[in-house]
């Protein structure tokens, strides 16, 4: 059976483009949507797109950081890419179902513009499922559960989802999944607690450009007794 995952529907978003020429941006957009009409795309495929996942528990700051990174990188949300590649199956109650296996296969066939500079051959995939797809590098954004609770309550998260997300962040579910699924790429863990989106975006941008050795496992929320106490209480 194919893996299917239900995603919250984000606000409508366009393919965000960095400071590239309009012709390059349009060509890359056509390559992503499968409408390859340029001579370069017809005569020879370019290199595979090098995907980097920006992932983390809901509320960790992925979308805000992604919007800032879009000034210099190609950025796309998982749900948007799934729609573009025909990997969603209907909607119900504001939710959409994504066929993860089909999306992974179609992502692997995408190609960047032949001869494009590095920044056009690398795309950032934003979402809490991004690390489960065929990406090269992964950035996992972390947030202390006490601060995460404030962020999610400000967004109007209901009690059940709030408790589930806090528990997931406390034990590092997404980091564990990312480490388990990692192939040869890099994995970086970034603590966003008490930091502005712009400072986090600058740090992530530096990681993307320099690709230092993997660094993760230094965040341990369960060592804070306040976290375990919070998990035992009803967050509502």
Protein backbone atom coordinates (compact mmCIF):
# COMPACT_ATOMS: atom_id res chain seq x y z
CA UNK A 1 0.00 0.00 0.00
CA UNK A 2 1.35 3.47 -0.82
CA UNK A 3 2.19 5.77 2.06
CA UNK A 4 -0.42 8.47 2.34
CA UNK A 5 -0.26 11.37 4.72
CA UNK A 6 -2.83 14.04 5.50
CA UNK A 7 -1.48 17.58 5.42
CA UNK A 8 -2.94 20.81 6.71
CA UNK A 9 -3.74 23.02 3.73
CA UNK A 10 -1.43 26.06 3.80
CA UNK A 11 -2.42 29.48 2.41
CA UNK A 12 -2.05 29.68 -1.36
CA UNK A 13 1.61 30.25 -2.21
CA UNK A 14 3.54 30.86 -5.39
CA UNK A 15 6.86 29.34 -6.32
CA UNK A 16 9.26 31.64 -4.53
CA UNK A 17 12.28 32.72 -6.47
CA UNK A 18 15.66 34.02 -5.42
CA UNK A 19 17.60 36.83 -7.18
CA UNK A 20 17.81 35.08 -10.54
CA UNK A 21 16.98 36.22 -14.03
CA UNK A 22 13.34 35.95 -15.03
CA UNK A 23 14.20 33.55 -17.87
CA UNK A 24 16.06 31.19 -15.51
CA UNK A 25 13.24 31.31 -12.98
CA UNK A 26 10.58 30.60 -15.59
CA UNK A 27 12.61 27.71 -17.03
CA UNK A 28 13.04 26.11 -13.60
CA UNK A 29 9.34 26.52 -12.86
CA UNK A 30 8.48 24.79 -16.14
CA UNK A 31 10.86 21.96 -15.33
CA UNK A 32 9.19 21.48 -11.95
CA UNK A 33 5.71 21.33 -13.44
CA UNK A 34 6.76 19.02 -16.27
CA UNK A 35 6.10 21.56 -19.03
CA UNK A 36 9.57 21.33 -20.58
CA UNK A 37 9.35 23.47 -23.67
CA UNK A 38 12.85 24.95 -23.86
CA UNK A 39 15.42 23.56 -26.29
CA UNK A 40 17.79 22.72 -23.42
CA UNK A 41 15.11 20.60 -21.79
CA UNK A 42 14.24 18.90 -25.06
CA UNK A 43 17.78 18.02 -26.09
CA UNK A 44 19.40 17.00 -22.79
CA UNK A 45 18.26 16.78 -19.21
CA UNK A 46 20.13 18.81 -16.62
CA UNK A 47 21.44 17.54 -13.33
CA UNK A 48 18.98 16.22 -10.74
CA UNK A 49 17.66 18.89 -8.43
CA UNK A 50 19.49 18.75 -5.11
CA UNK A 51 16.74 18.92 -2.54
CA UNK A 52 17.36 20.13 1.00
CA UNK A 53 14.60 19.62 3.56
CA UNK A 54 13.74 22.29 6.11
CA UNK A 55 11.67 20.35 8.60
CA UNK A 56 10.55 20.41 12.21
CA UNK A 57 7.55 20.17 14.50
CA UNK A 58 4.67 22.52 13.59
CA UNK A 59 5.43 25.86 15.23
CA UNK A 60 9.21 25.52 15.01
CA UNK A 61 9.42 28.32 12.42
CA UNK A 62 9.75 26.50 9.07
CA UNK A 63 7.48 28.74 7.02
CA UNK A 64 8.88 32.00 8.37
CA UNK A 65 12.45 30.87 7.80
CA UNK A 66 11.50 29.58 4.34
CA UNK A 67 10.09 32.97 3.34
CA UNK A 68 13.34 34.65 4.34
CA UNK A 69 15.50 32.05 2.58
CA UNK A 70 13.46 32.59 -0.59
CA UNK A 71 15.44 35.78 -1.14
CA UNK A 72 18.44 33.67 -2.11
CA UNK A 73 17.17 30.12 -2.77
CA UNK A 74 14.44 28.32 -4.64
CA UNK A 75 11.80 27.42 -2.03
CA UNK A 76 8.70 25.23 -2.28
CA UNK A 77 6.31 23.78 0.29
CA UNK A 78 5.71 20.02 0.35
CA UNK A 79 1.97 20.47 -0.17
CA UNK A 80 2.52 22.86 -3.08
CA UNK A 81 4.97 20.49 -4.78
CA UNK A 82 2.58 17.57 -4.28
CA UNK A 83 -0.19 19.58 -5.96
CA UNK A 84 2.06 20.56 -8.86
CA UNK A 85 3.13 16.96 -9.45
CA UNK A 86 -0.36 15.47 -9.14
CA UNK A 87 0.28 13.60 -5.89
CA UNK A 88 -2.70 14.72 -3.82
CA UNK A 89 -5.98 12.84 -3.58
CA UNK A 90 -8.87 15.15 -2.82
CA UNK A 91 -9.68 17.19 0.23
CA UNK A 92 -11.95 16.71 3.18
CA UNK A 93 -12.58 19.13 6.00
CA UNK A 94 -9.74 21.44 4.92
CA UNK A 95 -7.25 18.58 4.62
CA UNK A 96 -5.53 16.99 1.65
CA UNK A 97 -4.06 13.52 1.34
CA UNK A 98 -0.57 13.21 -0.16
CA UNK A 99 0.68 10.02 -1.78
CA UNK A 100 4.25 10.13 -0.42
CA UNK A 101 5.54 7.24 -2.54
CA UNK A 102 4.26 8.77 -5.77
CA UNK A 103 5.66 12.17 -4.78
CA UNK A 104 9.07 10.65 -4.03
CA UNK A 105 9.18 8.95 -7.43
CA UNK A 106 8.24 12.09 -9.32
CA UNK A 107 10.67 14.23 -7.37
CA UNK A 108 13.50 11.91 -8.36
CA UNK A 109 12.73 12.52 -12.05
CA UNK A 110 12.82 16.31 -11.85
CA UNK A 111 15.79 18.04 -13.41
CA UNK A 112 17.25 21.51 -13.00
CA UNK A 113 18.03 23.70 -15.99
CA UNK A 114 21.09 22.36 -17.80
CA UNK A 115 24.16 24.46 -17.00
CA UNK A 116 22.36 26.40 -14.28
CA UNK A 117 24.46 27.78 -11.39
CA UNK A 118 24.47 25.96 -8.08
CA UNK A 119 21.74 28.11 -6.55
CA UNK A 120 19.36 27.00 -9.33
CA UNK A 121 20.22 23.32 -8.93
CA UNK A 122 19.42 23.36 -5.22
CA UNK A 123 15.85 23.67 -3.98
CA UNK A 124 14.57 23.91 -0.42
CA UNK A 125 11.60 21.74 0.48
CA UNK A 126 9.66 23.12 3.44
CA UNK A 127 7.37 21.06 5.66
CA UNK A 128 7.17 18.67 8.59
CA UNK A 129 7.20 15.73 6.14
CA UNK A 130 10.03 17.01 3.95
CA UNK A 131 12.65 14.79 5.60
CA UNK A 132 10.72 11.67 4.54
CA UNK A 133 11.20 12.48 0.85
CA UNK A 134 14.31 11.91 -1.34
CA UNK A 135 16.37 14.88 -0.17
CA UNK A 136 20.12 15.24 0.11
CA UNK A 137 20.53 17.39 3.23
CA UNK A 138 18.14 18.00 6.13
CA UNK A 139 17.81 20.93 8.52
CA UNK A 140 15.67 20.10 11.57
CA UNK A 141 14.38 23.15 13.41
CA UNK A 142 13.88 22.57 17.15
CA UNK A 143 12.03 24.65 19.73
CA UNK A 144 11.80 24.26 23.50
CA UNK A 145 8.35 22.79 24.28
CA UNK A 146 7.48 25.65 26.64
CA UNK A 147 8.03 28.20 23.89
CA UNK A 148 6.47 25.90 21.31
CA UNK A 149 3.35 25.71 23.45
CA UNK A 150 3.03 29.51 23.39
CA UNK A 151 3.51 29.61 19.63
CA UNK A 152 0.94 26.90 18.93
CA UNK A 153 -1.64 28.35 21.29
CA UNK A 154 -1.19 31.72 19.61
CA UNK A 155 -1.98 29.97 16.31
CA UNK A 156 -5.14 28.49 17.82
CA UNK A 157 -4.04 24.86 18.01
CA UNK A 158 -6.66 22.60 19.57
CA UNK A 159 -5.85 20.63 22.70
CA UNK A 160 -5.27 17.23 21.08
CA UNK A 161 -2.97 18.55 18.35
CA UNK A 162 -1.18 20.73 20.87
CA UNK A 163 -0.41 17.82 23.16
CA UNK A 164 0.72 15.61 20.27
CA UNK A 165 3.07 18.24 18.85
CA UNK A 166 4.56 19.06 22.26
CA UNK A 167 5.25 15.39 22.95
CA UNK A 168 6.73 14.92 19.48
CA UNK A 169 9.10 17.85 19.96
CA UNK A 170 10.03 16.81 23.50
CA UNK A 171 11.27 13.39 22.41
CA UNK A 172 12.64 14.50 19.06
CA UNK A 173 10.47 12.42 16.74
CA UNK A 174 11.31 14.35 13.57
CA UNK A 175 15.04 14.36 14.30
CA UNK A 176 14.91 10.60 14.86
CA UNK A 177 13.07 10.07 11.56
CA UNK A 178 15.50 12.33 9.71
CA UNK A 179 18.52 10.47 11.13
CA UNK A 180 16.97 7.10 10.31
CA UNK A 181 16.18 8.06 6.71
CA UNK A 182 19.43 9.90 6.03
CA UNK A 183 21.54 8.47 3.24
CA UNK A 184 24.81 10.26 2.44
CA UNK A 185 23.78 13.86 3.00
CA UNK A 186 24.20 16.20 5.91
CA UNK A 187 21.88 16.54 8.90
CA UNK A 188 21.88 19.68 10.99
CA UNK A 189 19.83 20.45 14.09
CA UNK A 190 19.06 24.12 14.75
CA UNK A 191 17.58 25.38 18.02
CA UNK A 192 15.17 28.25 17.28
CA UNK A 193 14.23 28.89 20.93
CA UNK A 194 14.38 32.60 21.74
CA UNK A 195 15.73 33.47 18.31
CA UNK A 196 14.20 35.67 15.66
CA UNK A 197 13.29 34.16 12.28
CA UNK A 198 15.92 36.35 10.61
CA UNK A 199 18.72 35.07 12.85
CA UNK A 200 17.64 31.47 12.25
CA UNK A 201 17.45 32.10 8.49
CA UNK A 202 21.00 33.51 8.50
CA UNK A 203 22.27 30.43 10.32
CA UNK A 204 20.47 28.05 7.96
CA UNK A 205 21.71 30.01 4.94
CA UNK A 206 25.29 29.61 6.19
CA UNK A 207 24.79 25.87 6.65
CA UNK A 208 23.42 25.54 3.12
CA UNK A 209 26.29 27.46 1.57
CA UNK A 210 29.17 25.86 3.48
CA UNK A 211 27.74 22.35 4.11
CA UNK A 212 29.77 21.60 7.25
CA UNK A 213 29.77 18.15 8.84
CA UNK A 214 26.49 16.91 10.27
CA UNK A 215 25.70 18.17 13.74
CA UNK A 216 22.72 16.89 15.68
CA UNK A 217 21.80 15.30 18.99
CA UNK A 218 22.80 18.25 21.15
CA UNK A 219 19.22 19.26 21.99
CA UNK A 220 17.74 17.39 24.95
CA UNK A 221 14.45 18.83 26.12
CA UNK A 222 13.70 15.91 28.45
CA UNK A 223 16.62 16.93 30.67
CA UNK A 224 14.52 19.94 31.68
CA UNK A 225 12.10 18.83 34.45
CA UNK A 226 9.68 21.56 33.39
CA UNK A 227 9.17 19.74 30.09
CA UNK A 228 8.16 16.44 31.68
CA UNK A 229 5.87 18.30 34.09
CA UNK A 230 4.26 20.09 31.16
CA UNK A 231 3.70 16.84 29.30
CA UNK A 232 1.93 15.37 32.30
CA UNK A 233 -0.47 18.28 32.49
CA UNK A 234 -3.37 18.99 30.17
CA UNK A 235 -1.98 21.77 27.93
CA UNK A 236 -5.48 23.13 27.44
